[in-house]
Amino acid sequence: MHVRSMDLQSIAFALFGTVLVVRPTIVAKPFIERRERRLAELRQGKEEAYFEERRALEAYPPVRRLWVWRLLGCLVLLLEVPEIFFGR
């Protein structure tokens, strides 16, 4: 059986979607921790990496609701599983 690169990509995305549905904290936690760490650095006086970085971090926090991550995982699975079985 010949496996195309699109099949491997679809399988990888399906696995990622499964992780999002089953354990969304694996994906969400690093985003939250990175933001909190960077905000702490900026509050201690470190220089901003780009214009208004601190304002952007404070105004647009990462998604903390796990149901949103699970919904994203379901969407990925909904799109990728048929691609694995019925793709060209």
Protein backbone atom coordinates (compact mmCIF):
# COMPACT_ATOMS: atom_id res chain seq x y z
CA MET A 1 0.00 0.00 0.00
CA HIS A 2 1.37 3.36 -1.02
CA VAL A 3 1.12 6.15 1.56
CA ARG A 4 1.14 9.66 0.21
CA SER A 5 2.41 12.68 2.12
CA MET A 6 -1.17 14.03 2.25
CA ASP A 7 -2.22 10.85 4.04
CA LEU A 8 0.53 11.33 6.60
CA GLN A 9 -0.45 14.96 7.04
CA SER A 10 -4.10 14.00 7.54
CA ILE A 11 -3.12 11.35 10.07
CA ALA A 12 -0.96 13.86 11.95
CA PHE A 13 -3.79 16.40 12.03
CA ALA A 14 -6.25 13.71 13.17
CA LEU A 15 -3.92 12.77 16.02
CA PHE A 16 -3.60 16.43 16.97
CA GLY A 17 -7.41 16.78 16.90
CA THR A 18 -7.70 13.73 19.15
CA VAL A 19 -5.27 15.29 21.63
CA LEU A 20 -7.30 18.50 21.60
CA VAL A 21 -10.50 16.60 22.36
CA VAL A 22 -9.07 14.25 25.01
CA ARG A 23 -6.45 16.44 26.75
CA PRO A 24 -6.81 20.10 25.70
CA THR A 25 -4.61 21.26 28.58
CA ILE A 26 -1.56 19.81 26.80
CA VAL A 27 -2.00 22.45 24.11
CA ALA A 28 -3.56 25.31 26.10
CA LYS A 29 -1.22 25.31 29.11
CA PRO A 30 1.98 26.32 27.25
CA PHE A 31 0.22 29.34 25.68
CA ILE A 32 -1.03 30.51 29.07
CA GLU A 33 2.30 29.93 30.84
CA ARG A 34 4.29 31.69 28.10
CA ARG A 35 2.01 34.73 28.28
CA GLU A 36 2.16 34.92 32.08
CA ARG A 37 5.95 34.56 32.07
CA ARG A 38 6.39 37.27 29.44
CA LEU A 39 4.02 39.65 31.25
CA ALA A 40 5.99 39.15 34.46
CA GLU A 41 9.22 39.96 32.60
CA LEU A 42 7.71 43.13 31.13
CA ARG A 43 6.42 44.24 34.53
CA GLN A 44 9.93 43.81 35.92
CA GLY A 45 11.23 46.25 33.32
CA LYS A 46 12.46 44.12 30.42
CA GLU A 47 12.32 45.73 27.02
CA GLU A 48 9.43 44.96 24.68
CA ALA A 49 10.22 42.79 21.66
CA TYR A 50 7.83 44.77 19.46
CA PHE A 51 5.74 47.94 19.65
CA GLU A 52 3.11 47.74 22.42
CA GLU A 53 3.85 44.10 23.27
CA ARG A 54 2.69 44.52 26.87
CA ARG A 55 -0.58 46.14 25.83
CA ALA A 56 -1.23 43.32 23.35
CA LEU A 57 -0.51 40.63 25.96
CA GLU A 58 -2.82 42.28 28.48
CA ALA A 59 -5.61 42.98 25.98
CA TYR A 60 -5.68 39.61 24.21
CA PRO A 61 -5.23 36.72 26.64
CA PRO A 62 -5.07 33.16 25.29
CA VAL A 63 -8.18 31.01 25.34
CA ARG A 64 -8.55 29.43 28.79
CA ARG A 65 -11.87 27.71 28.22
CA LEU A 66 -11.17 24.08 27.53
CA TRP A 67 -14.41 23.58 25.62
CA VAL A 68 -13.10 25.93 22.92
CA TRP A 69 -10.00 23.76 22.49
CA ARG A 70 -12.19 20.64 22.42
CA LEU A 71 -14.43 22.21 19.80
CA LEU A 72 -11.37 23.00 17.70
CA GLY A 73 -10.27 19.37 18.06
CA CYS A 74 -13.69 18.13 16.93
CA LEU A 75 -13.52 20.43 13.91
CA VAL A 76 -10.07 19.12 13.00
CA LEU A 77 -11.29 15.54 13.34
CA LEU A 78 -14.41 16.28 11.33
CA LEU A 79 -12.27 17.58 8.47
CA GLU A 80 -9.35 15.15 8.58
CA VAL A 81 -10.87 11.72 9.27
CA PRO A 82 -12.90 11.72 6.02
CA GLU A 83 -9.78 12.90 4.19
CA ILE A 84 -7.91 9.83 5.44
CA PHE A 85 -10.57 7.39 4.27
CA PHE A 86 -12.07 9.12 1.23
CA GLY A 87 -9.29 11.46 0.04
CA ARG A 88 -7.85 11.11 -3.43
